[in-house]
Amino acid sequence: MSTTTIPAVKTMQRQWLLIDAKDKVLGRLATRIALILRGKHKPTYTPFLDTGDFVVVINAAKVAVTGQKRSQKLYRRYTGYPGGLRTRTMEQVMQAHPDRVIQQAVKGMMPDGPLGRHLLGKLKVYPGPAHPHAAQQPQPVSPAILGAPARHG
């Protein structure tokens, strides 16, 4: 009988990955980011452990969406008071805080609870091309990992 080994979290080698969100479709980009944060791209993936890598996303303000989502998609939050439902369109959120659109999309794909909150802490999103993580030497993610469409012909 073979035994299953559980990786020691303290000995995990974590990479810093850099993703350019310019002209990438929001949902497809968010699924790839969630996959990397959870560690599903590694052979040591364990559902109840943090085996993923850090992700730095740049150019969040230039992310693409399909259809009429910029004007029709709504972000809702509740203040906790009667009549306190606040609603904003995606266009309004993109003007004020373009990084939150990607963060919310990825958050919806993370597990609920303490593990999901911990994994979201490894996501760093910036609206422009500049980021303060040069010391970590983030490696650019290849378009193949991000699911770039295949070129035919």
Protein backbone atom coordinates (compact mmCIF):
# COMPACT_ATOMS: atom_id res chain seq x y z
CA MET A 1 0.00 0.00 0.00
CA SER A 2 1.38 3.43 -0.92
CA THR A 3 1.00 6.43 1.31
CA THR A 4 0.14 9.96 0.33
CA THR A 5 2.67 12.57 1.36
CA ILE A 6 1.50 15.95 2.57
CA PRO A 7 3.92 18.77 1.72
CA ALA A 8 5.32 20.78 4.62
CA VAL A 9 4.11 24.35 4.21
CA LYS A 10 7.31 25.77 5.71
CA THR A 11 9.45 24.09 3.06
CA MET A 12 7.28 25.15 0.10
CA GLN A 13 9.11 27.11 -2.59
CA ARG A 14 6.88 30.05 -3.54
CA GLN A 15 7.45 32.03 -6.71
CA TRP A 16 6.39 35.58 -7.49
CA LEU A 17 4.63 35.73 -10.85
CA LEU A 18 3.89 38.86 -12.89
CA ILE A 19 0.75 39.05 -15.03
CA ASP A 20 -0.02 41.89 -17.44
CA ALA A 21 -3.81 42.31 -17.56
CA LYS A 22 -3.77 44.61 -20.60
CA ASP A 23 -6.40 43.44 -23.14
CA LYS A 24 -7.03 40.16 -21.24
CA VAL A 25 -10.65 39.10 -20.72
CA LEU A 26 -11.54 39.55 -17.03
CA GLY A 27 -13.13 36.17 -16.32
CA ARG A 28 -10.51 34.11 -18.10
CA LEU A 29 -7.74 36.06 -16.40
CA ALA A 30 -9.36 35.64 -12.97
CA THR A 31 -9.62 31.86 -13.35
CA ARG A 32 -5.92 31.59 -14.17
CA ILE A 33 -4.99 33.81 -11.24
CA ALA A 34 -7.15 31.75 -8.87
CA LEU A 35 -5.53 28.54 -10.15
CA ILE A 36 -2.04 29.92 -9.47
CA LEU A 37 -2.97 31.28 -6.02
CA ARG A 38 -4.38 27.90 -4.96
CA GLY A 39 -1.36 26.01 -6.32
CA LYS A 40 -3.31 23.77 -8.69
CA HIS A 41 -0.58 24.14 -11.30
CA LYS A 42 1.87 22.28 -9.05
CA PRO A 43 2.17 18.54 -8.42
CA THR A 44 2.21 19.23 -4.67
CA TYR A 45 -1.33 20.69 -4.68
CA THR A 46 -3.26 19.94 -1.51
CA PRO A 47 -6.83 21.27 -1.19
CA PHE A 48 -6.57 22.28 2.47
CA LEU A 49 -3.09 23.86 2.35
CA ASP A 50 -1.62 27.00 0.83
CA THR A 51 0.63 25.58 -1.89
CA GLY A 52 0.26 28.43 -4.38
CA ASP A 53 2.44 31.29 -5.54
CA PHE A 54 2.27 35.06 -5.19
CA VAL A 55 0.70 36.92 -8.12
CA VAL A 56 1.38 40.54 -9.11
CA VAL A 57 -1.11 41.92 -11.66
CA ILE A 58 -0.26 45.11 -13.53
CA ASN A 59 -2.34 47.24 -15.93
CA ALA A 60 -5.59 46.32 -14.18
CA ALA A 61 -7.22 49.47 -15.57
CA LYS A 62 -6.81 48.09 -19.11
CA VAL A 63 -8.56 44.74 -18.55
CA ALA A 64 -11.09 43.78 -21.23
CA VAL A 65 -14.66 42.62 -20.75
CA THR A 66 -17.05 41.12 -23.25
CA GLY A 67 -20.51 42.31 -24.15
CA GLN A 68 -22.06 45.26 -22.30
CA LYS A 69 -20.60 44.40 -18.89
CA ARG A 70 -18.97 47.80 -18.37
CA SER A 71 -22.39 49.47 -18.25
CA GLN A 72 -24.62 46.57 -17.12
CA LYS A 73 -22.62 44.61 -14.52
CA LEU A 74 -23.45 45.76 -11.01
CA TYR A 75 -21.37 45.59 -7.84
CA ARG A 76 -23.52 45.57 -4.71
CA ARG A 77 -22.62 46.03 -1.07
CA TYR A 78 -24.75 46.40 2.01
CA THR A 79 -23.94 48.88 4.77
CA GLY A 80 -25.86 46.97 7.43
CA TYR A 81 -28.51 49.65 7.85
CA PRO A 82 -32.09 49.60 6.52
CA GLY A 83 -32.07 50.86 2.94
CA GLY A 84 -28.29 50.60 2.89
CA LEU A 85 -27.85 48.64 -0.34
CA ARG A 86 -25.24 50.48 -2.43
CA THR A 87 -24.97 49.67 -6.13
CA ARG A 88 -22.31 50.74 -8.62
CA THR A 89 -21.78 49.79 -12.25
CA MET A 90 -18.53 48.26 -13.41
CA GLU A 91 -17.68 51.49 -15.22
CA GLN A 92 -17.98 53.48 -11.97
CA VAL A 93 -15.81 50.98 -10.09
CA MET A 94 -13.19 50.98 -12.88
CA GLN A 95 -12.92 54.78 -12.71
CA ALA A 96 -12.52 54.90 -8.93
CA HIS A 97 -10.63 51.65 -8.13
CA PRO A 98 -9.69 49.57 -11.21
CA ASP A 99 -7.82 47.03 -9.07
CA ARG A 100 -10.99 46.01 -7.19
CA VAL A 101 -12.62 44.57 -10.30
CA ILE A 102 -9.92 41.90 -10.61
CA GLN A 103 -9.80 41.35 -6.84
CA GLN A 104 -13.57 40.76 -6.66
CA ALA A 105 -13.49 38.39 -9.64
CA VAL A 106 -10.71 36.31 -8.07
CA LYS A 107 -12.33 36.45 -4.61
CA GLY A 108 -15.44 34.81 -6.02
CA MET A 109 -13.32 31.87 -7.17
CA MET A 110 -11.53 31.33 -3.85
CA PRO A 111 -12.76 29.00 -1.10
CA ASP A 112 -14.78 30.59 1.69
CA GLY A 113 -13.19 30.81 5.10
CA PRO A 114 -9.73 31.43 6.51
CA LEU A 115 -7.83 29.65 3.72
CA GLY A 116 -9.49 31.72 1.01
CA ARG A 117 -8.76 34.97 2.85
CA HIS A 118 -5.14 33.93 3.30
CA LEU A 119 -4.79 33.10 -0.39
CA LEU A 120 -6.21 36.50 -1.40
CA GLY A 121 -3.43 38.13 0.60
CA LYS A 122 -0.97 36.77 -1.97
CA LEU A 123 -2.69 38.69 -4.80
CA LYS A 124 -1.27 42.14 -5.53
CA VAL A 125 -3.17 44.21 -8.14
CA TYR A 126 -2.04 47.57 -9.54
CA PRO A 127 -3.89 49.80 -12.04
CA GLY A 128 -0.78 50.83 -13.98
CA PRO A 129 2.48 49.23 -15.13
CA ALA A 130 4.40 50.16 -11.95
CA HIS A 131 4.52 47.94 -8.86
CA PRO A 132 6.61 47.96 -5.65
CA HIS A 133 7.63 44.28 -5.81
CA ALA A 134 10.83 44.55 -7.86
CA ALA A 135 12.85 43.14 -4.95
CA GLN A 136 10.91 39.86 -5.19
CA GLN A 137 11.88 39.57 -8.89
CA PRO A 138 8.48 38.44 -10.21
CA GLN A 139 8.72 36.24 -13.29
CA PRO A 140 6.42 37.08 -16.23
CA VAL A 141 3.78 34.42 -16.81
CA SER A 142 3.79 33.00 -20.31
CA PRO A 143 0.71 33.57 -22.50
CA ALA A 144 0.27 29.78 -22.74
CA ILE A 145 -0.43 29.60 -19.01
CA LEU A 146 -2.89 32.47 -19.29
CA GLY A 147 -4.81 30.63 -21.98
CA ALA A 148 -3.99 32.82 -24.95
CA PRO A 149 -6.04 31.88 -28.00
CA ALA A 150 -4.28 29.61 -30.45
CA ARG A 151 -3.35 31.17 -33.77
CA HIS A 152 -4.61 29.16 -36.71
CA GLY A 153 -3.48 29.36 -40.28
